[in-house]
């Protein structure tokens, strides 16, 4: 789109922590051998402590995207309602698996759907739902043999109450690792579900789904509560700085999370073009042409590049 743009590109189109977790030194044998049962158990134990669920309920996966693809194939074709607008891959994955998918604006509009998908906090507007509302929906769906899938990809740095400690039949929670820890290329994510359902998901993924180096780095990062707390505070300050820059550029905030901000602009297509010509990529929306989503810059130079265009 912008072949004359200066490089390197500044990619602000994602909601990934721009300041990654410092990876620990790795034993070279992690690259030479298949992951062991002990490697998997150590990661599940660390994730269980971080998310507040039993280790038997934790399913490590090579990123949450593969879980978004896999879980619909474990459910008999039915009616699935996706609360949105939200991450488009949820609806696409359920449709690919043969389900009749409908887009709804809120939980109360799901009707008789056997499956309901909610992203909490939502991407791209940051909308949230109380745990009590989601748990009531999970109980209702479970009583009908259905499922509530809650994607908590952006929950680590937010004030939302995670459902991981409140598992029940028919409730599956997804947790992202790469977004929080700035290590998206590691490809690590988790499904959290009651033990029986967790075993079904793990069986569908097959053996050695997660690479040995990812198991080791994930275990270290998930066990580092101090880093996570400090990162949450630092990124919240960054999000406030970005809000002020967007407002000075004439943007009207429509929400977001600590890791991304979404706003409407009087001339969003023009701003998208000017940013692109300057080598800065942000997220635009075909269904909302006035809307742009900004990830957080990583350092002083990146902040200055963005600030020059927004001014």
C-alpha atoms as a PDB file:
ATOM      1  CA  UNK A   1       0.000   0.000   0.000  1.00  0.00           C
ATOM      2  CA  UNK A   2       2.823   2.412   0.835  1.00  0.00           C
ATOM      3  CA  UNK A   3       5.912   1.294  -1.104  1.00  0.00           C
ATOM      4  CA  UNK A   4       7.723   4.598  -0.538  1.00  0.00           C
ATOM      5  CA  UNK A   5       7.268   4.576   3.244  1.00  0.00           C
ATOM      6  CA  UNK A   6      10.428   4.862   5.337  1.00  0.00           C
ATOM      7  CA  UNK A   7      11.668   1.729   7.049  1.00  0.00           C
ATOM      8  CA  UNK A   8      11.714   0.128   9.503  1.00  0.00           C
ATOM      9  CA  UNK A   9       7.943   0.055   9.786  1.00  0.00           C
ATOM     10  CA  UNK A  10       6.380   0.930  13.114  1.00  0.00           C
ATOM     11  CA  UNK A  11       3.652  -1.686  13.505  1.00  0.00           C
ATOM     12  CA  UNK A  12       0.975  -0.382  15.873  1.00  0.00           C
ATOM     13  CA  UNK A  13      -1.751  -2.591  14.393  1.00  0.00           C
ATOM     14  CA  UNK A  14      -1.611  -5.196  17.174  1.00  0.00           C
ATOM     15  CA  UNK A  15      -2.400  -5.248  20.878  1.00  0.00           C
ATOM     16  CA  UNK A  16       0.895  -6.817  21.943  1.00  0.00           C
ATOM     17  CA  UNK A  17       2.968  -5.537  24.862  1.00  0.00           C
ATOM     18  CA  UNK A  18       5.757  -3.598  23.106  1.00  0.00           C
ATOM     19  CA  UNK A  19       8.178  -4.184  26.007  1.00  0.00           C
ATOM     20  CA  UNK A  20       8.660  -7.961  26.133  1.00  0.00           C
ATOM     21  CA  UNK A  21       9.455 -10.180  29.065  1.00  0.00           C
ATOM     22  CA  UNK A  22      13.240 -10.716  29.308  1.00  0.00           C
ATOM     23  CA  UNK A  23      13.667 -14.324  28.234  1.00  0.00           C
ATOM     24  CA  UNK A  24      15.867 -16.361  30.590  1.00  0.00           C
ATOM     25  CA  UNK A  25      18.878 -18.273  29.280  1.00  0.00           C
ATOM     26  CA  UNK A  26      17.766 -21.613  27.871  1.00  0.00           C
ATOM     27  CA  UNK A  27      19.364 -25.022  28.195  1.00  0.00           C
ATOM     28  CA  UNK A  28      20.470 -26.006  24.693  1.00  0.00           C
ATOM     29  CA  UNK A  29      18.962 -29.474  25.158  1.00  0.00           C
ATOM     30  CA  UNK A  30      15.501 -27.889  24.918  1.00  0.00           C
ATOM     31  CA  UNK A  31      16.169 -27.572  21.186  1.00  0.00           C
ATOM     32  CA  UNK A  32      17.585 -31.099  20.838  1.00  0.00           C
ATOM     33  CA  UNK A  33      14.864 -33.213  22.429  1.00  0.00           C
ATOM     34  CA  UNK A  34      11.105 -33.527  22.545  1.00  0.00           C
ATOM     35  CA  UNK A  35       9.412 -31.885  25.524  1.00  0.00           C
ATOM     36  CA  UNK A  36       9.007 -34.224  28.480  1.00  0.00           C
ATOM     37  CA  UNK A  37       6.029 -34.921  30.694  1.00  0.00           C
ATOM     38  CA  UNK A  38       7.811 -32.965  33.428  1.00  0.00           C
ATOM     39  CA  UNK A  39       8.245 -29.951  31.118  1.00  0.00           C
ATOM     40  CA  UNK A  40       4.509 -29.867  30.420  1.00  0.00           C
ATOM     41  CA  UNK A  41       3.612 -30.388  34.083  1.00  0.00           C
ATOM     42  CA  UNK A  42       5.856 -27.507  35.177  1.00  0.00           C
ATOM     43  CA  UNK A  43       4.205 -25.096  32.725  1.00  0.00           C
ATOM     44  CA  UNK A  44       0.701 -26.201  33.713  1.00  0.00           C
ATOM     45  CA  UNK A  45       1.563 -25.681  37.379  1.00  0.00           C
ATOM     46  CA  UNK A  46       2.856 -22.158  36.703  1.00  0.00           C
ATOM     47  CA  UNK A  47      -0.233 -21.324  34.628  1.00  0.00           C
ATOM     48  CA  UNK A  48      -2.502 -22.757  37.310  1.00  0.00           C
ATOM     49  CA  UNK A  49      -0.995 -20.421  39.908  1.00  0.00           C
ATOM     50  CA  UNK A  50      -1.167 -17.426  37.568  1.00  0.00           C
ATOM     51  CA  UNK A  51      -4.769 -18.008  36.474  1.00  0.00           C
ATOM     52  CA  UNK A  52      -6.271 -19.479  39.638  1.00  0.00           C
ATOM     53  CA  UNK A  53      -7.326 -22.867  38.268  1.00  0.00           C
ATOM     54  CA  UNK A  54      -6.275 -26.448  38.925  1.00  0.00           C
ATOM     55  CA  UNK A  55      -3.379 -27.733  36.820  1.00  0.00           C
ATOM     56  CA  UNK A  56      -5.626 -30.494  35.455  1.00  0.00           C
ATOM     57  CA  UNK A  57      -7.808 -27.763  33.925  1.00  0.00           C
ATOM     58  CA  UNK A  58      -4.970 -26.070  31.999  1.00  0.00           C
ATOM     59  CA  UNK A  59      -4.311 -26.919  28.343  1.00  0.00           C
ATOM     60  CA  UNK A  60      -1.174 -25.323  26.855  1.00  0.00           C
ATOM     61  CA  UNK A  61      -1.356 -24.702  23.116  1.00  0.00           C
ATOM     62  CA  UNK A  62       0.848 -23.160  20.411  1.00  0.00           C
ATOM     63  CA  UNK A  63      -1.049 -19.871  20.628  1.00  0.00           C
ATOM     64  CA  UNK A  64      -4.728 -19.168  21.262  1.00  0.00           C
ATOM     65  CA  UNK A  65      -5.433 -19.029  17.517  1.00  0.00           C
ATOM     66  CA  UNK A  66      -5.109 -22.814  17.262  1.00  0.00           C
ATOM     67  CA  UNK A  67      -7.564 -23.135  20.170  1.00  0.00           C
ATOM     68  CA  UNK A  68     -10.012 -20.815  18.403  1.00  0.00           C
ATOM     69  CA  UNK A  69      -9.766 -23.199  15.429  1.00  0.00           C
ATOM     70  CA  UNK A  70      -9.855 -26.465  17.412  1.00  0.00           C
ATOM     71  CA  UNK A  71     -12.645 -26.005  19.944  1.00  0.00           C
ATOM     72  CA  UNK A  72     -15.466 -25.531  17.376  1.00  0.00           C
ATOM     73  CA  UNK A  73     -14.533 -28.894  15.831  1.00  0.00           C
ATOM     74  CA  UNK A  74     -15.136 -30.617  19.179  1.00  0.00           C
ATOM     75  CA  UNK A  75     -18.765 -29.449  19.288  1.00  0.00           C
ATOM     76  CA  UNK A  76     -21.550 -30.934  17.171  1.00  0.00           C
ATOM     77  CA  UNK A  77     -22.779 -28.406  14.574  1.00  0.00           C
ATOM     78  CA  UNK A  78     -25.242 -26.070  16.226  1.00  0.00           C
ATOM     79  CA  UNK A  79     -26.223 -22.411  16.486  1.00  0.00           C
ATOM     80  CA  UNK A  80     -23.358 -20.212  17.699  1.00  0.00           C
ATOM     81  CA  UNK A  81     -23.707 -16.569  18.692  1.00  0.00           C
ATOM     82  CA  UNK A  82     -20.637 -14.307  18.792  1.00  0.00           C
ATOM     83  CA  UNK A  83     -20.999 -11.108  20.826  1.00  0.00           C
ATOM     84  CA  UNK A  84     -19.433  -8.331  18.811  1.00  0.00           C
ATOM     85  CA  UNK A  85     -18.201  -6.624  16.862  1.00  0.00           C
ATOM     86  CA  UNK A  86     -15.061  -8.417  17.981  1.00  0.00           C
ATOM     87  CA  UNK A  87     -12.082 -10.470  16.792  1.00  0.00           C
ATOM     88  CA  UNK A  88     -13.330 -11.828  13.459  1.00  0.00           C
ATOM     89  CA  UNK A  89     -11.593 -15.214  13.733  1.00  0.00           C
ATOM     90  CA  UNK A  90     -14.087 -16.432  16.339  1.00  0.00           C
ATOM     91  CA  UNK A  91     -17.064 -16.276  13.982  1.00  0.00           C
ATOM     92  CA  UNK A  92     -14.958 -17.536  11.071  1.00  0.00           C
ATOM     93  CA  UNK A  93     -13.740 -20.595  13.002  1.00  0.00           C
ATOM     94  CA  UNK A  94     -17.211 -21.637  14.164  1.00  0.00           C
ATOM     95  CA  UNK A  95     -18.543 -21.214  10.623  1.00  0.00           C
ATOM     96  CA  UNK A  96     -15.692 -23.303   9.175  1.00  0.00           C
ATOM     97  CA  UNK A  97     -16.616 -26.068  11.626  1.00  0.00           C
ATOM     98  CA  UNK A  98     -20.186 -26.170  10.267  1.00  0.00           C
ATOM     99  CA  UNK A  99     -22.006 -24.112  12.896  1.00  0.00           C
ATOM    100  CA  UNK A 100     -24.701 -21.561  12.059  1.00  0.00           C
ATOM    101  CA  UNK A 101     -23.103 -18.360  13.297  1.00  0.00           C
ATOM    102  CA  UNK A 102     -24.898 -15.150  14.194  1.00  0.00           C
ATOM    103  CA  UNK A 103     -23.433 -11.851  15.349  1.00  0.00           C
ATOM    104  CA  UNK A 104     -25.170 -10.294  18.354  1.00  0.00           C
ATOM    105  CA  UNK A 105     -24.562  -7.058  20.229  1.00  0.00           C
ATOM    106  CA  UNK A 106     -25.023  -8.439  23.732  1.00  0.00           C
ATOM    107  CA  UNK A 107     -25.459 -11.651  25.693  1.00  0.00           C
ATOM    108  CA  UNK A 108     -29.191 -11.125  25.991  1.00  0.00           C
ATOM    109  CA  UNK A 109     -29.541 -11.331  22.204  1.00  0.00           C
ATOM    110  CA  UNK A 110     -28.064 -14.843  21.939  1.00  0.00           C
ATOM    111  CA  UNK A 111     -31.507 -16.449  22.083  1.00  0.00           C
ATOM    112  CA  UNK A 112     -31.460 -20.241  21.766  1.00  0.00           C
ATOM    113  CA  UNK A 113     -27.865 -20.463  20.581  1.00  0.00           C
ATOM    114  CA  UNK A 114     -26.081 -23.525  21.945  1.00  0.00           C
ATOM    115  CA  UNK A 115     -22.728 -21.774  21.882  1.00  0.00           C
ATOM    116  CA  UNK A 116     -22.001 -18.182  22.891  1.00  0.00           C
ATOM    117  CA  UNK A 117     -18.608 -16.526  22.413  1.00  0.00           C
ATOM    118  CA  UNK A 118     -17.623 -13.431  24.415  1.00  0.00           C
ATOM    119  CA  UNK A 119     -14.295 -11.583  24.376  1.00  0.00           C
ATOM    120  CA  UNK A 120     -13.758 -10.004  27.801  1.00  0.00           C
ATOM    121  CA  UNK A 121     -12.404  -7.322  27.629  1.00  0.00           C
ATOM    122  CA  UNK A 122     -13.540  -6.977  24.062  1.00  0.00           C
ATOM    123  CA  UNK A 123     -11.363  -6.201  21.081  1.00  0.00           C
ATOM    124  CA  UNK A 124     -11.505  -3.490  19.704  1.00  0.00           C
ATOM    125  CA  UNK A 125     -13.703  -1.410  22.032  1.00  0.00           C
ATOM    126  CA  UNK A 126     -12.602  -2.748  25.435  1.00  0.00           C
ATOM    127  CA  UNK A 127     -16.162  -3.476  26.547  1.00  0.00           C
ATOM    128  CA  UNK A 128     -16.363  -5.730  29.629  1.00  0.00           C
ATOM    129  CA  UNK A 129     -18.939  -7.947  31.317  1.00  0.00           C
ATOM    130  CA  UNK A 130     -19.310  -8.651  35.057  1.00  0.00           C
ATOM    131  CA  UNK A 131     -18.303 -12.136  36.129  1.00  0.00           C
ATOM    132  CA  UNK A 132     -21.772 -12.698  37.602  1.00  0.00           C
ATOM    133  CA  UNK A 133     -23.403 -12.054  34.213  1.00  0.00           C
ATOM    134  CA  UNK A 134     -21.047 -14.392  32.387  1.00  0.00           C
ATOM    135  CA  UNK A 135     -21.348 -17.152  34.991  1.00  0.00           C
ATOM    136  CA  UNK A 136     -25.142 -16.972  34.844  1.00  0.00           C
ATOM    137  CA  UNK A 137     -24.938 -17.323  31.060  1.00  0.00           C
ATOM    138  CA  UNK A 138     -22.557 -20.274  31.451  1.00  0.00           C
ATOM    139  CA  UNK A 139     -24.951 -22.005  33.848  1.00  0.00           C
ATOM    140  CA  UNK A 140     -27.896 -21.438  31.499  1.00  0.00           C
ATOM    141  CA  UNK A 141     -25.999 -22.802  28.508  1.00  0.00           C
ATOM    142  CA  UNK A 142     -24.661 -25.758  30.470  1.00  0.00           C
ATOM    143  CA  UNK A 143     -28.192 -26.705  31.535  1.00  0.00           C
ATOM    144  CA  UNK A 144     -29.050 -26.924  27.815  1.00  0.00           C
ATOM    145  CA  UNK A 145     -25.898 -28.855  26.961  1.00  0.00           C
ATOM    146  CA  UNK A 146     -24.296 -25.758  25.485  1.00  0.00           C
ATOM    147  CA  UNK A 147     -21.054 -23.836  25.911  1.00  0.00           C
ATOM    148  CA  UNK A 148     -19.891 -20.352  26.847  1.00  0.00           C
ATOM    149  CA  UNK A 149     -16.465 -19.566  25.404  1.00  0.00           C
ATOM    150  CA  UNK A 150     -14.851 -16.535  27.058  1.00  0.00           C
ATOM    151  CA  UNK A 151     -11.720 -15.151  25.409  1.00  0.00           C
ATOM    152  CA  UNK A 152      -9.697 -13.321  28.077  1.00  0.00           C
ATOM    153  CA  UNK A 153      -6.804 -12.473  25.754  1.00  0.00           C
ATOM    154  CA  UNK A 154      -6.429  -8.957  27.188  1.00  0.00           C
ATOM    155  CA  UNK A 155      -7.439  -9.659  30.798  1.00  0.00           C
ATOM    156  CA  UNK A 156      -4.004  -9.792  32.439  1.00  0.00           C
ATOM    157  CA  UNK A 157      -3.548  -6.014  32.679  1.00  0.00           C
ATOM    158  CA  UNK A 158      -7.229  -5.159  33.227  1.00  0.00           C
ATOM    159  CA  UNK A 159      -9.529  -4.971  36.232  1.00  0.00           C
ATOM    160  CA  UNK A 160     -11.936  -7.609  34.895  1.00  0.00           C
ATOM    161  CA  UNK A 161     -12.595 -10.659  37.056  1.00  0.00           C
ATOM    162  CA  UNK A 162     -11.273 -13.755  35.311  1.00  0.00           C
ATOM    163  CA  UNK A 163     -13.549 -16.774  35.135  1.00  0.00           C
ATOM    164  CA  UNK A 164     -10.647 -19.226  35.432  1.00  0.00           C
ATOM    165  CA  UNK A 165     -11.239 -19.767  39.175  1.00  0.00           C
ATOM    166  CA  UNK A 166     -14.969 -20.352  38.604  1.00  0.00           C
ATOM    167  CA  UNK A 167     -15.023 -23.185  36.092  1.00  0.00           C
ATOM    168  CA  UNK A 168     -18.178 -25.223  35.582  1.00  0.00           C
ATOM    169  CA  UNK A 169     -19.533 -27.564  32.872  1.00  0.00           C
ATOM    170  CA  UNK A 170     -19.900 -25.799  29.555  1.00  0.00           C
ATOM    171  CA  UNK A 171     -17.453 -22.968  30.332  1.00  0.00           C
ATOM    172  CA  UNK A 172     -14.156 -22.645  28.451  1.00  0.00           C
ATOM    173  CA  UNK A 173     -11.766 -19.731  28.988  1.00  0.00           C
ATOM    174  CA  UNK A 174      -8.947 -18.748  26.626  1.00  0.00           C
ATOM    175  CA  UNK A 175      -5.855 -16.965  27.896  1.00  0.00           C
ATOM    176  CA  UNK A 176      -3.216 -15.366  25.693  1.00  0.00           C
ATOM    177  CA  UNK A 177       0.461 -15.419  26.672  1.00  0.00           C
ATOM    178  CA  UNK A 178       2.104 -13.562  23.788  1.00  0.00           C
ATOM    179  CA  UNK A 179       0.088 -10.349  24.187  1.00  0.00           C
ATOM    180  CA  UNK A 180       0.807  -9.858  27.877  1.00  0.00           C
ATOM    181  CA  UNK A 181       4.450 -10.846  27.744  1.00  0.00           C
ATOM    182  CA  UNK A 182       5.256  -9.293  24.370  1.00  0.00           C
ATOM    183  CA  UNK A 183       6.350 -12.671  22.999  1.00  0.00           C
ATOM    184  CA  UNK A 184       3.793 -13.334  20.272  1.00  0.00           C
ATOM    185  CA  UNK A 185       6.359 -15.195  18.164  1.00  0.00           C
ATOM    186  CA  UNK A 186       6.777 -17.781  20.905  1.00  0.00           C
ATOM    187  CA  UNK A 187       3.279 -19.100  20.078  1.00  0.00           C
ATOM    188  CA  UNK A 188       1.849 -19.972  23.473  1.00  0.00           C
ATOM    189  CA  UNK A 189      -1.680 -19.772  24.841  1.00  0.00           C
ATOM    190  CA  UNK A 190      -4.017 -21.681  27.116  1.00  0.00           C
ATOM    191  CA  UNK A 191      -7.496 -23.140  27.290  1.00  0.00           C
ATOM    192  CA  UNK A 192      -8.874 -23.390  30.814  1.00  0.00           C
ATOM    193  CA  UNK A 193     -11.807 -25.754  31.316  1.00  0.00           C
ATOM    194  CA  UNK A 194     -13.087 -28.447  33.639  1.00  0.00           C
ATOM    195  CA  UNK A 195     -10.743 -31.432  33.619  1.00  0.00           C
ATOM    196  CA  UNK A 196     -12.831 -33.651  31.324  1.00  0.00           C
ATOM    197  CA  UNK A 197     -13.199 -30.997  28.672  1.00  0.00           C
ATOM    198  CA  UNK A 198      -9.560 -29.992  29.095  1.00  0.00           C
ATOM    199  CA  UNK A 199      -8.529 -33.564  28.255  1.00  0.00           C
ATOM    200  CA  UNK A 200     -10.622 -33.499  25.078  1.00  0.00           C
ATOM    201  CA  UNK A 201      -9.005 -30.266  23.931  1.00  0.00           C
ATOM    202  CA  UNK A 202      -5.517 -31.572  24.726  1.00  0.00           C
ATOM    203  CA  UNK A 203      -6.210 -34.796  22.819  1.00  0.00           C
ATOM    204  CA  UNK A 204      -7.336 -32.789  19.781  1.00  0.00           C
ATOM    205  CA  UNK A 205      -4.082 -30.809  19.827  1.00  0.00           C
ATOM    206  CA  UNK A 206      -2.046 -33.998  19.931  1.00  0.00           C
ATOM    207  CA  UNK A 207       1.301 -34.737  21.597  1.00  0.00           C
ATOM    208  CA  UNK A 208       4.135 -32.172  21.792  1.00  0.00           C
ATOM    209  CA  UNK A 209       1.863 -29.325  20.700  1.00  0.00           C
ATOM    210  CA  UNK A 210       4.024 -26.736  22.464  1.00  0.00           C
ATOM    211  CA  UNK A 211       7.762 -26.469  21.785  1.00  0.00           C
ATOM    212  CA  UNK A 212      10.229 -27.089  24.584  1.00  0.00           C
ATOM    213  CA  UNK A 213      11.684 -23.545  24.587  1.00  0.00           C
ATOM    214  CA  UNK A 214       8.155 -22.113  24.803  1.00  0.00           C
ATOM    215  CA  UNK A 215       7.374 -24.356  27.771  1.00  0.00           C
ATOM    216  CA  UNK A 216      10.469 -23.126  29.611  1.00  0.00           C
ATOM    217  CA  UNK A 217       9.988 -19.424  28.866  1.00  0.00           C
ATOM    218  CA  UNK A 218       6.293 -19.629  29.646  1.00  0.00           C
ATOM    219  CA  UNK A 219       6.985 -21.258  33.008  1.00  0.00           C
ATOM    220  CA  UNK A 220       9.473 -18.541  33.962  1.00  0.00           C
ATOM    221  CA  UNK A 221       7.267 -15.659  32.836  1.00  0.00           C
ATOM    222  CA  UNK A 222       4.062 -16.913  34.409  1.00  0.00           C
ATOM    223  CA  UNK A 223       5.886 -17.366  37.701  1.00  0.00           C
ATOM    224  CA  UNK A 224       7.143 -13.775  37.698  1.00  0.00           C
ATOM    225  CA  UNK A 225       4.294 -11.907  39.377  1.00  0.00           C
ATOM    226  CA  UNK A 226       6.512  -8.879  40.069  1.00  0.00           C
ATOM    227  CA  UNK A 227       7.279  -8.351  36.392  1.00  0.00           C
ATOM    228  CA  UNK A 228       3.605  -8.707  35.499  1.00  0.00           C
ATOM    229  CA  UNK A 229       2.545  -6.124  38.092  1.00  0.00           C
ATOM    230  CA  UNK A 230       5.221  -3.632  37.038  1.00  0.00           C
ATOM    231  CA  UNK A 231       4.419  -4.129  33.360  1.00  0.00           C
ATOM    232  CA  UNK A 232       0.714  -3.542  34.005  1.00  0.00           C
ATOM    233  CA  UNK A 233       1.431  -0.206  35.688  1.00  0.00           C
ATOM    234  CA  UNK A 234       3.892   0.900  32.999  1.00  0.00           C
ATOM    235  CA  UNK A 235       1.609   0.003  30.110  1.00  0.00           C
ATOM    236  CA  UNK A 236      -1.357   1.737  31.809  1.00  0.00           C
ATOM    237  CA  UNK A 237       0.728   4.913  31.925  1.00  0.00           C
ATOM    238  CA  UNK A 238       1.572   4.434  28.237  1.00  0.00           C
ATOM    239  CA  UNK A 239      -2.118   4.005  27.400  1.00  0.00           C
ATOM    240  CA  UNK A 240      -2.901   7.294  29.151  1.00  0.00           C
ATOM    241  CA  UNK A 241      -0.174   9.027  27.153  1.00  0.00           C
ATOM    242  CA  UNK A 242      -1.578   7.608  23.927  1.00  0.00           C
ATOM    243  CA  UNK A 243      -5.084   8.774  24.866  1.00  0.00           C
ATOM    244  CA  UNK A 244      -3.813  12.331  25.252  1.00  0.00           C
ATOM    245  CA  UNK A 245      -2.048  12.222  21.880  1.00  0.00           C
ATOM    246  CA  UNK A 246      -5.165  10.863  20.173  1.00  0.00           C
ATOM    247  CA  UNK A 247      -7.339  13.560  21.753  1.00  0.00           C
ATOM    248  CA  UNK A 248      -4.966  16.318  20.591  1.00  0.00           C
ATOM    249  CA  UNK A 249      -5.224  14.887  17.074  1.00  0.00           C
ATOM    250  CA  UNK A 250      -9.015  15.276  17.150  1.00  0.00           C
ATOM    251  CA  UNK A 251      -9.833  11.657  17.960  1.00  0.00           C
ATOM    252  CA  UNK A 252     -12.807  10.628  20.080  1.00  0.00           C
ATOM    253  CA  UNK A 253     -12.048   7.587  22.218  1.00  0.00           C
ATOM    254  CA  UNK A 254     -14.398   4.628  21.900  1.00  0.00           C
ATOM    255  CA  UNK A 255     -12.496   2.468  24.384  1.00  0.00           C
ATOM    256  CA  UNK A 256      -9.758  -0.096  24.370  1.00  0.00           C
ATOM    257  CA  UNK A 257      -7.512  -1.855  26.866  1.00  0.00           C
ATOM    258  CA  UNK A 258      -4.133  -1.113  28.411  1.00  0.00           C
ATOM    259  CA  UNK A 259      -2.490  -2.608  25.304  1.00  0.00           C
ATOM    260  CA  UNK A 260      -4.475  -0.770  22.616  1.00  0.00           C
ATOM    261  CA  UNK A 261      -6.676   2.304  22.199  1.00  0.00           C
ATOM    262  CA  UNK A 262      -9.507   2.735  19.716  1.00  0.00           C
ATOM    263  CA  UNK A 263     -10.839   6.087  18.525  1.00  0.00           C
ATOM    264  CA  UNK A 264     -12.978   7.724  15.849  1.00  0.00           C
ATOM    265  CA  UNK A 265     -11.541  10.557  13.741  1.00  0.00           C
ATOM    266  CA  UNK A 266     -13.186  13.132  11.457  1.00  0.00           C
ATOM    267  CA  UNK A 267     -10.921  11.930   8.623  1.00  0.00           C
ATOM    268  CA  UNK A 268      -9.768   8.459   9.641  1.00  0.00           C
ATOM    269  CA  UNK A 269      -8.973   7.326   6.061  1.00  0.00           C
ATOM    270  CA  UNK A 270      -6.796  10.394   5.584  1.00  0.00           C
ATOM    271  CA  UNK A 271      -5.015   9.856   8.879  1.00  0.00           C
ATOM    272  CA  UNK A 272      -4.494   6.163   8.073  1.00  0.00           C
ATOM    273  CA  UNK A 273      -2.892   7.228   4.771  1.00  0.00           C
ATOM    274  CA  UNK A 274      -0.662   9.833   6.395  1.00  0.00           C
ATOM    275  CA  UNK A 275       0.472   7.341   9.008  1.00  0.00           C
ATOM    276  CA  UNK A 276       1.139   4.728   6.324  1.00  0.00           C
ATOM    277  CA  UNK A 277       3.165   7.136   4.239  1.00  0.00           C
ATOM    278  CA  UNK A 278       5.263   7.759   7.367  1.00  0.00           C
ATOM    279  CA  UNK A 279       5.832   4.035   7.859  1.00  0.00           C
ATOM    280  CA  UNK A 280       3.342   3.604  10.707  1.00  0.00           C
ATOM    281  CA  UNK A 281       0.696   0.861  10.485  1.00  0.00           C
ATOM    282  CA  UNK A 282      -2.474   1.046  12.598  1.00  0.00           C
ATOM    283  CA  UNK A 283      -5.664  -1.021  12.489  1.00  0.00           C
ATOM    284  CA  UNK A 284      -8.582   0.238  10.410  1.00  0.00           C
ATOM    285  CA  UNK A 285     -12.093  -1.215  10.180  1.00  0.00           C
ATOM    286  CA  UNK A 286     -14.081  -1.765   7.002  1.00  0.00           C
ATOM    287  CA  UNK A 287     -17.345  -1.767   8.970  1.00  0.00           C
ATOM    288  CA  UNK A 288     -16.502   1.498  10.785  1.00  0.00           C
ATOM    289  CA  UNK A 289     -14.610   3.788   8.438  1.00  0.00           C
ATOM    290  CA  UNK A 290     -14.122   6.536  11.047  1.00  0.00           C
ATOM    291  CA  UNK A 291     -12.364   4.170  13.447  1.00  0.00           C
ATOM    292  CA  UNK A 292      -8.670   3.431  14.026  1.00  0.00           C
ATOM    293  CA  UNK A 293      -6.982   1.266  16.658  1.00  0.00           C
ATOM    294  CA  UNK A 294      -3.506   2.064  17.971  1.00  0.00           C
ATOM    295  CA  UNK A 295      -1.135  -0.266  19.756  1.00  0.00           C
ATOM    296  CA  UNK A 296       1.483   1.143  22.115  1.00  0.00           C
ATOM    297  CA  UNK A 297       4.851   2.381  20.824  1.00  0.00           C
ATOM    298  CA  UNK A 298       7.854   0.627  22.330  1.00  0.00           C
ATOM    299  CA  UNK A 299      10.393   3.389  22.929  1.00  0.00           C
ATOM    300  CA  UNK A 300      11.143   7.108  22.675  1.00  0.00           C
ATOM    301  CA  UNK A 301      11.859   7.037  18.930  1.00  0.00           C
ATOM    302  CA  UNK A 302       8.600   5.220  18.206  1.00  0.00           C
ATOM    303  CA  UNK A 303       6.607   7.635  20.369  1.00  0.00           C
ATOM    304  CA  UNK A 304       8.192  10.581  18.566  1.00  0.00           C
ATOM    305  CA  UNK A 305       7.405   9.141  15.116  1.00  0.00           C
ATOM    306  CA  UNK A 306       3.757   8.707  16.034  1.00  0.00           C
ATOM    307  CA  UNK A 307       3.522  12.088  17.746  1.00  0.00           C
ATOM    308  CA  UNK A 308       4.812  13.943  14.666  1.00  0.00           C
ATOM    309  CA  UNK A 309       2.033  12.566  12.470  1.00  0.00           C
ATOM    310  CA  UNK A 310      -0.741  12.989  15.044  1.00  0.00           C
ATOM    311  CA  UNK A 311       0.276  16.616  15.573  1.00  0.00           C
END
